[in-house]
Amino acid sequence: MSPQQRKSEEAGSRENERRRTILRAAIEVFARKGYHGCRIADVAREAGVAYGLVYHYFKNKDELLETVAETGWSGFVSRMRTVAQGEGSLEDKVRGIADVAFEAYRVDPRAVKVLILEVGRSPAGSHVVSRQQAFLDAIRMAADMFARAQEAGELRADLDPMISASLLFGAIEMGLTAFVSGLMEDRSPEALDRAKVQIAESFLRGVLPGAATAAGVSWKQERSSSGTKAKAGKRS
């Protein structure tokens, strides 16, 4: 490598490092102040760089939030794809996807908080062009996993794989929301483990073969009991 090439490579490395530093600072400020409370000056102060340098890498606050979303979602979808398309039973894969989500929160709770509260739920998230597409891609990937499991007899035949995928992600998202919003005071690794197990097990009890029969019997018994009581009330 020539001296000129080495200098160019080192300069590119410094550029990437500065950009990552600013992006990390944006995550911290978004998590602490929210999208609307965040200013570019706050991000520059958090990153320890000049105010104008932030604009060198990101044209505005919207682009910062967009990049946070793209980075966070791409990492999650990549890890989820590994689980969904890998070896193992449907039960193993559902637990694996829950584990991916809660491990992301354990490693970087502020980034997950931004993804859920600022990108997913806040009106500010409408600025993120890739938000809906990324979420839909993840659900479609899970739906394919459920469809393959259904063909193999691992998923109840009466269930729609797309609805199953949506329900799984909804349960995971709401479980994480309990942590990022402060509803769960205990955020220890043990609490996270209990939560992901509860979500996976509660979901699996409803979708695995055999669950339909048990649920149907219970529902018929309740309906029969209600009908008997109603008739008894009319006779009296």
C-alpha atoms as a PDB file:
ATOM      1  CA  MET A   1       0.000   0.000   0.000  1.00  0.00           C
ATOM      2  CA  SER A   2       1.363   3.394  -0.980  1.00  0.00           C
ATOM      3  CA  PRO A   3       1.699   6.241   1.577  1.00  0.00           C
ATOM      4  CA  GLN A   4      -1.126   8.062  -0.193  1.00  0.00           C
ATOM      5  CA  GLN A   5      -3.418   5.039   0.023  1.00  0.00           C
ATOM      6  CA  ARG A   6      -2.541   4.562   3.694  1.00  0.00           C
ATOM      7  CA  LYS A   7      -3.378   8.188   4.452  1.00  0.00           C
ATOM      8  CA  SER A   8      -6.661   7.885   2.582  1.00  0.00           C
ATOM      9  CA  GLU A   9      -7.573   4.741   4.522  1.00  0.00           C
ATOM     10  CA  GLU A  10      -6.699   6.336   7.855  1.00  0.00           C
ATOM     11  CA  ALA A  11      -8.748   9.411   6.977  1.00  0.00           C
ATOM     12  CA  GLY A  12     -11.716   7.209   6.065  1.00  0.00           C
ATOM     13  CA  SER A  13     -11.371   5.329   9.344  1.00  0.00           C
ATOM     14  CA  ARG A  14     -11.391   8.617  11.292  1.00  0.00           C
ATOM     15  CA  GLU A  15     -14.467   9.752   9.366  1.00  0.00           C
ATOM     16  CA  ASN A  16     -16.325   6.547  10.200  1.00  0.00           C
ATOM     17  CA  GLU A  17     -15.324   6.769  13.847  1.00  0.00           C
ATOM     18  CA  ARG A  18     -16.552  10.375  14.129  1.00  0.00           C
ATOM     19  CA  ARG A  19     -19.821   9.413  12.490  1.00  0.00           C
ATOM     20  CA  ARG A  20     -20.309   6.503  14.900  1.00  0.00           C
ATOM     21  CA  THR A  21     -19.515   8.786  17.846  1.00  0.00           C
ATOM     22  CA  ILE A  22     -22.130  11.306  16.732  1.00  0.00           C
ATOM     23  CA  LEU A  23     -24.695   8.578  16.107  1.00  0.00           C
ATOM     24  CA  ARG A  24     -24.086   7.119  19.571  1.00  0.00           C
ATOM     25  CA  ALA A  25     -24.500  10.576  21.072  1.00  0.00           C
ATOM     26  CA  ALA A  26     -27.792  10.989  19.211  1.00  0.00           C
ATOM     27  CA  ILE A  27     -29.084   7.722  20.697  1.00  0.00           C
ATOM     28  CA  GLU A  28     -28.195   8.937  24.194  1.00  0.00           C
ATOM     29  CA  VAL A  29     -29.917  12.300  23.693  1.00  0.00           C
ATOM     30  CA  PHE A  30     -33.009  10.826  21.998  1.00  0.00           C
ATOM     31  CA  ALA A  31     -33.357   8.335  24.858  1.00  0.00           C
ATOM     32  CA  ARG A  32     -32.952  11.034  27.491  1.00  0.00           C
ATOM     33  CA  LYS A  33     -34.897  13.927  25.974  1.00  0.00           C
ATOM     34  CA  GLY A  34     -37.027  12.393  23.228  1.00  0.00           C
ATOM     35  CA  TYR A  35     -37.086  13.462  19.607  1.00  0.00           C
ATOM     36  CA  HIS A  36     -38.832  16.785  20.189  1.00  0.00           C
ATOM     37  CA  GLY A  37     -36.624  17.700  23.148  1.00  0.00           C
ATOM     38  CA  CYS A  38     -33.419  16.892  21.283  1.00  0.00           C
ATOM     39  CA  ARG A  39     -31.368  19.639  19.628  1.00  0.00           C
ATOM     40  CA  ILE A  40     -28.372  19.263  17.341  1.00  0.00           C
ATOM     41  CA  ALA A  41     -26.396  21.273  19.888  1.00  0.00           C
ATOM     42  CA  ASP A  42     -27.224  18.624  22.514  1.00  0.00           C
ATOM     43  CA  VAL A  43     -25.903  15.889  20.235  1.00  0.00           C
ATOM     44  CA  ALA A  44     -22.701  17.826  19.536  1.00  0.00           C
ATOM     45  CA  ARG A  45     -22.154  18.382  23.265  1.00  0.00           C
ATOM     46  CA  GLU A  46     -22.775  14.707  24.031  1.00  0.00           C
ATOM     47  CA  ALA A  47     -20.358  13.654  21.273  1.00  0.00           C
ATOM     48  CA  GLY A  48     -17.736  16.198  22.300  1.00  0.00           C
ATOM     49  CA  VAL A  49     -17.521  17.689  18.823  1.00  0.00           C
ATOM     50  CA  ALA A  50     -18.120  21.071  17.248  1.00  0.00           C
ATOM     51  CA  TYR A  51     -21.729  21.969  16.479  1.00  0.00           C
ATOM     52  CA  GLY A  52     -21.084  22.260  12.753  1.00  0.00           C
ATOM     53  CA  LEU A  53     -19.438  18.846  12.552  1.00  0.00           C
ATOM     54  CA  VAL A  54     -22.768  17.112  13.210  1.00  0.00           C
ATOM     55  CA  TYR A  55     -24.160  18.735  10.067  1.00  0.00           C
ATOM     56  CA  HIS A  56     -21.154  17.471   8.132  1.00  0.00           C
ATOM     57  CA  TYR A  57     -22.426  13.905   8.643  1.00  0.00           C
ATOM     58  CA  PHE A  58     -26.182  14.377   9.112  1.00  0.00           C
ATOM     59  CA  LYS A  59     -28.218  17.071   7.446  1.00  0.00           C
ATOM     60  CA  ASN A  60     -30.754  17.375  10.284  1.00  0.00           C
ATOM     61  CA  LYS A  61     -32.367  15.700  13.290  1.00  0.00           C
ATOM     62  CA  ASP A  62     -34.673  13.634  11.071  1.00  0.00           C
ATOM     63  CA  GLU A  63     -31.711  12.016   9.328  1.00  0.00           C
ATOM     64  CA  LEU A  64     -30.166  11.209  12.695  1.00  0.00           C
ATOM     65  CA  LEU A  65     -33.323   9.417  13.814  1.00  0.00           C
ATOM     66  CA  GLU A  66     -33.597   7.657  10.450  1.00  0.00           C
ATOM     67  CA  THR A  67     -30.038   6.366  10.758  1.00  0.00           C
ATOM     68  CA  VAL A  68     -30.607   5.177  14.324  1.00  0.00           C
ATOM     69  CA  ALA A  69     -33.654   3.242  13.114  1.00  0.00           C
ATOM     70  CA  GLU A  70     -31.885   1.726  10.110  1.00  0.00           C
ATOM     71  CA  THR A  71     -28.894   0.641  12.188  1.00  0.00           C
ATOM     72  CA  GLY A  72     -31.008  -0.835  14.965  1.00  0.00           C
ATOM     73  CA  TRP A  73     -33.460  -2.632  12.706  1.00  0.00           C
ATOM     74  CA  SER A  74     -30.827  -4.038  10.366  1.00  0.00           C
ATOM     75  CA  GLY A  75     -28.995  -5.638  13.273  1.00  0.00           C
ATOM     76  CA  PHE A  76     -32.178  -7.106  14.738  1.00  0.00           C
ATOM     77  CA  VAL A  77     -33.469  -8.451  11.416  1.00  0.00           C
ATOM     78  CA  SER A  78     -30.097 -10.014  10.624  1.00  0.00           C
ATOM     79  CA  ARG A  79     -29.991 -11.867  13.946  1.00  0.00           C
ATOM     80  CA  MET A  80     -33.641 -12.850  13.643  1.00  0.00           C
ATOM     81  CA  ARG A  81     -33.041 -14.252  10.150  1.00  0.00           C
ATOM     82  CA  THR A  82     -30.308 -16.464  11.547  1.00  0.00           C
ATOM     83  CA  VAL A  83     -32.773 -17.904  14.063  1.00  0.00           C
ATOM     84  CA  ALA A  84     -35.792 -18.148  11.746  1.00  0.00           C
ATOM     85  CA  GLN A  85     -33.912 -19.838   8.902  1.00  0.00           C
ATOM     86  CA  GLY A  86     -31.677 -22.006  11.061  1.00  0.00           C
ATOM     87  CA  GLU A  87     -32.087 -25.481  12.461  1.00  0.00           C
ATOM     88  CA  GLY A  88     -34.430 -26.320  15.319  1.00  0.00           C
ATOM     89  CA  SER A  89     -38.091 -26.734  16.144  1.00  0.00           C
ATOM     90  CA  LEU A  90     -40.696 -23.981  16.018  1.00  0.00           C
ATOM     91  CA  GLU A  91     -40.562 -23.789  19.806  1.00  0.00           C
ATOM     92  CA  ASP A  92     -36.803 -23.273  19.697  1.00  0.00           C
ATOM     93  CA  LYS A  93     -37.132 -20.551  17.062  1.00  0.00           C
ATOM     94  CA  VAL A  94     -39.866 -18.632  18.897  1.00  0.00           C
ATOM     95  CA  ARG A  95     -37.763 -18.680  22.053  1.00  0.00           C
ATOM     96  CA  GLY A  96     -34.731 -17.702  19.978  1.00  0.00           C
ATOM     97  CA  ILE A  97     -36.465 -14.657  18.479  1.00  0.00           C
ATOM     98  CA  ALA A  98     -37.612 -13.527  21.935  1.00  0.00           C
ATOM     99  CA  ASP A  99     -34.049 -13.991  23.127  1.00  0.00           C
ATOM    100  CA  VAL A 100     -32.680 -11.852  20.264  1.00  0.00           C
ATOM    101  CA  ALA A 101     -35.049  -9.018  21.166  1.00  0.00           C
ATOM    102  CA  PHE A 102     -34.384  -9.046  24.899  1.00  0.00           C
ATOM    103  CA  GLU A 103     -30.654  -9.517  24.428  1.00  0.00           C
ATOM    104  CA  ALA A 104     -30.674  -6.355  22.296  1.00  0.00           C
ATOM    105  CA  TYR A 105     -32.297  -4.516  25.209  1.00  0.00           C
ATOM    106  CA  ARG A 106     -29.818  -5.969  27.716  1.00  0.00           C
ATOM    107  CA  VAL A 107     -26.843  -4.877  25.598  1.00  0.00           C
ATOM    108  CA  ASP A 108     -28.147  -1.450  24.563  1.00  0.00           C
ATOM    109  CA  PRO A 109     -31.314  -0.415  26.451  1.00  0.00           C
ATOM    110  CA  ARG A 110     -31.175   3.204  25.256  1.00  0.00           C
ATOM    111  CA  ALA A 111     -31.099   2.225  21.586  1.00  0.00           C
ATOM    112  CA  VAL A 112     -34.076  -0.114  22.070  1.00  0.00           C
ATOM    113  CA  LYS A 113     -35.908   2.635  23.949  1.00  0.00           C
ATOM    114  CA  VAL A 114     -35.420   4.981  20.994  1.00  0.00           C
ATOM    115  CA  LEU A 115     -36.567   2.336  18.500  1.00  0.00           C
ATOM    116  CA  ILE A 116     -39.750   1.595  20.433  1.00  0.00           C
ATOM    117  CA  LEU A 117     -40.769   4.939  21.901  1.00  0.00           C
ATOM    118  CA  GLU A 118     -39.338   7.469  19.445  1.00  0.00           C
ATOM    119  CA  VAL A 119     -39.403   5.501  16.168  1.00  0.00           C
ATOM    120  CA  GLY A 120     -42.242   3.054  16.738  1.00  0.00           C
ATOM    121  CA  ARG A 121     -44.750   4.955  18.876  1.00  0.00           C
ATOM    122  CA  SER A 122     -44.023   8.682  18.775  1.00  0.00           C
ATOM    123  CA  PRO A 123     -45.371  10.940  15.999  1.00  0.00           C
ATOM    124  CA  ALA A 124     -41.686  11.671  15.429  1.00  0.00           C
ATOM    125  CA  GLY A 125     -41.417   8.182  13.965  1.00  0.00           C
ATOM    126  CA  SER A 126     -43.351   9.352  10.922  1.00  0.00           C
ATOM    127  CA  HIS A 127     -40.133  11.060   9.866  1.00  0.00           C
ATOM    128  CA  VAL A 128     -38.471   7.663   9.567  1.00  0.00           C
ATOM    129  CA  VAL A 129     -39.124   6.518   6.020  1.00  0.00           C
ATOM    130  CA  SER A 130     -37.822   2.992   6.583  1.00  0.00           C
ATOM    131  CA  ARG A 131     -39.801   2.344   9.786  1.00  0.00           C
ATOM    132  CA  GLN A 132     -42.824   0.576   8.348  1.00  0.00           C
ATOM    133  CA  GLN A 133     -40.915  -1.338   5.679  1.00  0.00           C
ATOM    134  CA  ALA A 134     -38.395  -2.711   8.168  1.00  0.00           C
ATOM    135  CA  PHE A 135     -41.135  -3.848  10.536  1.00  0.00           C
ATOM    136  CA  LEU A 136     -43.122  -5.468   7.722  1.00  0.00           C
ATOM    137  CA  ASP A 137     -40.030  -7.270   6.423  1.00  0.00           C
ATOM    138  CA  ALA A 138     -39.439  -8.750   9.877  1.00  0.00           C
ATOM    139  CA  ILE A 139     -43.056  -9.906  10.142  1.00  0.00           C
ATOM    140  CA  ARG A 140     -42.976 -11.461   6.653  1.00  0.00           C
ATOM    141  CA  MET A 141     -39.822 -13.329   7.555  1.00  0.00           C
ATOM    142  CA  ALA A 142     -41.477 -14.703  10.695  1.00  0.00           C
ATOM    143  CA  ALA A 143     -44.618 -15.552   8.697  1.00  0.00           C
ATOM    144  CA  ASP A 144     -42.493 -17.672   6.341  1.00  0.00           C
ATOM    145  CA  MET A 145     -41.069 -19.438   9.392  1.00  0.00           C
ATOM    146  CA  PHE A 146     -44.577 -20.171  10.677  1.00  0.00           C
ATOM    147  CA  ALA A 147     -45.732 -21.356   7.236  1.00  0.00           C
ATOM    148  CA  ARG A 148     -42.878 -23.861   7.056  1.00  0.00           C
ATOM    149  CA  ALA A 149     -43.665 -25.014  10.588  1.00  0.00           C
ATOM    150  CA  GLN A 150     -47.324 -25.459   9.645  1.00  0.00           C
ATOM    151  CA  GLU A 151     -46.385 -27.653   6.697  1.00  0.00           C
ATOM    152  CA  ALA A 152     -44.301 -29.753   9.077  1.00  0.00           C
ATOM    153  CA  GLY A 153     -47.196 -30.089  11.509  1.00  0.00           C
ATOM    154  CA  GLU A 154     -45.569 -27.878  14.168  1.00  0.00           C
ATOM    155  CA  LEU A 155     -48.174 -25.110  13.934  1.00  0.00           C
ATOM    156  CA  ARG A 156     -51.908 -25.559  14.311  1.00  0.00           C
ATOM    157  CA  ALA A 157     -53.511 -26.050  10.887  1.00  0.00           C
ATOM    158  CA  ASP A 158     -56.302 -23.551  11.617  1.00  0.00           C
ATOM    159  CA  LEU A 159     -53.939 -20.607  12.202  1.00  0.00           C
ATOM    160  CA  ASP A 160     -52.814 -17.978   9.699  1.00  0.00           C
ATOM    161  CA  PRO A 161     -48.982 -17.735   9.675  1.00  0.00           C
ATOM    162  CA  MET A 162     -49.080 -13.975   9.043  1.00  0.00           C
ATOM    163  CA  ILE A 163     -51.360 -13.368  12.025  1.00  0.00           C
ATOM    164  CA  SER A 164     -49.155 -15.637  14.131  1.00  0.00           C
ATOM    165  CA  ALA A 165     -46.090 -13.598  13.164  1.00  0.00           C
ATOM    166  CA  SER A 166     -47.874 -10.329  13.952  1.00  0.00           C
ATOM    167  CA  LEU A 167     -48.991 -11.633  17.335  1.00  0.00           C
ATOM    168  CA  LEU A 168     -45.488 -12.776  18.229  1.00  0.00           C
ATOM    169  CA  PHE A 169     -43.936  -9.416  17.397  1.00  0.00           C
ATOM    170  CA  GLY A 170     -46.761  -7.590  19.145  1.00  0.00           C
ATOM    171  CA  ALA A 171     -46.146  -9.582  22.323  1.00  0.00           C
ATOM    172  CA  ILE A 172     -42.394  -8.960  22.173  1.00  0.00           C
ATOM    173  CA  GLU A 173     -42.846  -5.241  21.486  1.00  0.00           C
ATOM    174  CA  MET A 174     -45.279  -4.789  24.367  1.00  0.00           C
ATOM    175  CA  GLY A 175     -43.023  -6.773  26.679  1.00  0.00           C
ATOM    176  CA  LEU A 176     -40.094  -4.505  25.843  1.00  0.00           C
ATOM    177  CA  THR A 177     -42.335  -1.457  26.189  1.00  0.00           C
ATOM    178  CA  ALA A 178     -42.950  -2.408  29.831  1.00  0.00           C
ATOM    179  CA  PHE A 179     -39.195  -2.090  30.395  1.00  0.00           C
ATOM    180  CA  VAL A 180     -38.342   0.980  28.293  1.00  0.00           C
ATOM    181  CA  SER A 181     -41.313   2.960  29.634  1.00  0.00           C
ATOM    182  CA  GLY A 182     -40.415   2.286  33.257  1.00  0.00           C
ATOM    183  CA  LEU A 183     -43.410   0.085  34.080  1.00  0.00           C
ATOM    184  CA  MET A 184     -40.974  -2.653  35.076  1.00  0.00           C
ATOM    185  CA  GLU A 185     -38.831  -1.385  37.919  1.00  0.00           C
ATOM    186  CA  ASP A 186     -36.699  -4.523  38.002  1.00  0.00           C
ATOM    187  CA  ARG A 187     -34.537  -4.472  34.865  1.00  0.00           C
ATOM    188  CA  SER A 188     -31.970  -6.972  36.028  1.00  0.00           C
ATOM    189  CA  PRO A 189     -30.762  -9.758  33.710  1.00  0.00           C
ATOM    190  CA  GLU A 190     -32.907 -12.151  35.728  1.00  0.00           C
ATOM    191  CA  ALA A 191     -36.022 -10.026  35.147  1.00  0.00           C
ATOM    192  CA  LEU A 192     -35.293  -9.891  31.413  1.00  0.00           C
ATOM    193  CA  ASP A 193     -34.886 -13.675  31.320  1.00  0.00           C
ATOM    194  CA  ARG A 194     -38.207 -14.173  33.100  1.00  0.00           C
ATOM    195  CA  ALA A 195     -39.946 -11.783  30.710  1.00  0.00           C
ATOM    196  CA  LYS A 196     -38.701 -13.381  27.499  1.00  0.00           C
ATOM    197  CA  VAL A 197     -39.590 -16.848  28.804  1.00  0.00           C
ATOM    198  CA  GLN A 198     -43.083 -15.691  29.791  1.00  0.00           C
ATOM    199  CA  ILE A 199     -43.707 -14.132  26.375  1.00  0.00           C
ATOM    200  CA  ALA A 200     -42.451 -17.177  24.462  1.00  0.00           C
ATOM    201  CA  GLU A 201     -44.317 -19.687  26.613  1.00  0.00           C
ATOM    202  CA  SER A 202     -47.586 -17.709  26.606  1.00  0.00           C
ATOM    203  CA  PHE A 203     -47.418 -17.425  22.815  1.00  0.00           C
ATOM    204  CA  LEU A 204     -46.506 -21.075  22.255  1.00  0.00           C
ATOM    205  CA  ARG A 205     -49.414 -22.374  24.357  1.00  0.00           C
ATOM    206  CA  GLY A 206     -51.756 -20.803  21.832  1.00  0.00           C
ATOM    207  CA  VAL A 207     -50.157 -21.911  18.555  1.00  0.00           C
ATOM    208  CA  LEU A 208     -48.811 -25.415  19.069  1.00  0.00           C
ATOM    209  CA  PRO A 209     -50.837 -28.455  17.996  1.00  0.00           C
ATOM    210  CA  GLY A 210     -53.064 -29.656  20.829  1.00  0.00           C
ATOM    211  CA  ALA A 211     -53.704 -26.163  22.127  1.00  0.00           C
ATOM    212  CA  ALA A 212     -56.760 -25.805  19.882  1.00  0.00           C
ATOM    213  CA  THR A 213     -58.414 -28.879  21.374  1.00  0.00           C
ATOM    214  CA  ALA A 214     -57.807 -27.773  24.940  1.00  0.00           C
ATOM    215  CA  ALA A 215     -59.007 -24.247  24.228  1.00  0.00           C
ATOM    216  CA  GLY A 216     -62.058 -25.516  22.364  1.00  0.00           C
ATOM    217  CA  VAL A 217     -63.088 -27.852  25.179  1.00  0.00           C
ATOM    218  CA  SER A 218     -62.660 -25.081  27.738  1.00  0.00           C
ATOM    219  CA  TRP A 219     -64.681 -22.618  25.631  1.00  0.00           C
ATOM    220  CA  LYS A 220     -67.485 -25.154  25.034  1.00  0.00           C
ATOM    221  CA  GLN A 221     -67.631 -25.974  28.723  1.00  0.00           C
ATOM    222  CA  GLU A 222     -67.875 -22.291  29.631  1.00  0.00           C
ATOM    223  CA  ARG A 223     -70.541 -21.709  26.981  1.00  0.00           C
ATOM    224  CA  SER A 224     -72.512 -24.782  28.071  1.00  0.00           C
ATOM    225  CA  SER A 225     -72.314 -23.667  31.678  1.00  0.00           C
ATOM    226  CA  SER A 226     -73.485 -20.151  30.778  1.00  0.00           C
ATOM    227  CA  GLY A 227     -76.356 -21.547  28.705  1.00  0.00           C
ATOM    228  CA  THR A 228     -77.486 -23.830  31.519  1.00  0.00           C
ATOM    229  CA  LYS A 229     -77.479 -20.943  33.959  1.00  0.00           C
ATOM    230  CA  ALA A 230     -79.465 -18.778  31.539  1.00  0.00           C
ATOM    231  CA  LYS A 231     -82.116 -21.474  31.057  1.00  0.00           C
ATOM    232  CA  ALA A 232     -82.347 -22.020  34.786  1.00  0.00           C
ATOM    233  CA  GLY A 233     -82.871 -18.299  35.243  1.00  0.00           C
ATOM    234  CA  LYS A 234     -85.736 -18.257  32.730  1.00  0.00           C
ATOM    235  CA  ARG A 235     -87.501 -21.208  34.415  1.00  0.00           C
ATOM    236  CA  SER A 236     -87.284 -19.542  37.800  1.00  0.00           C
END
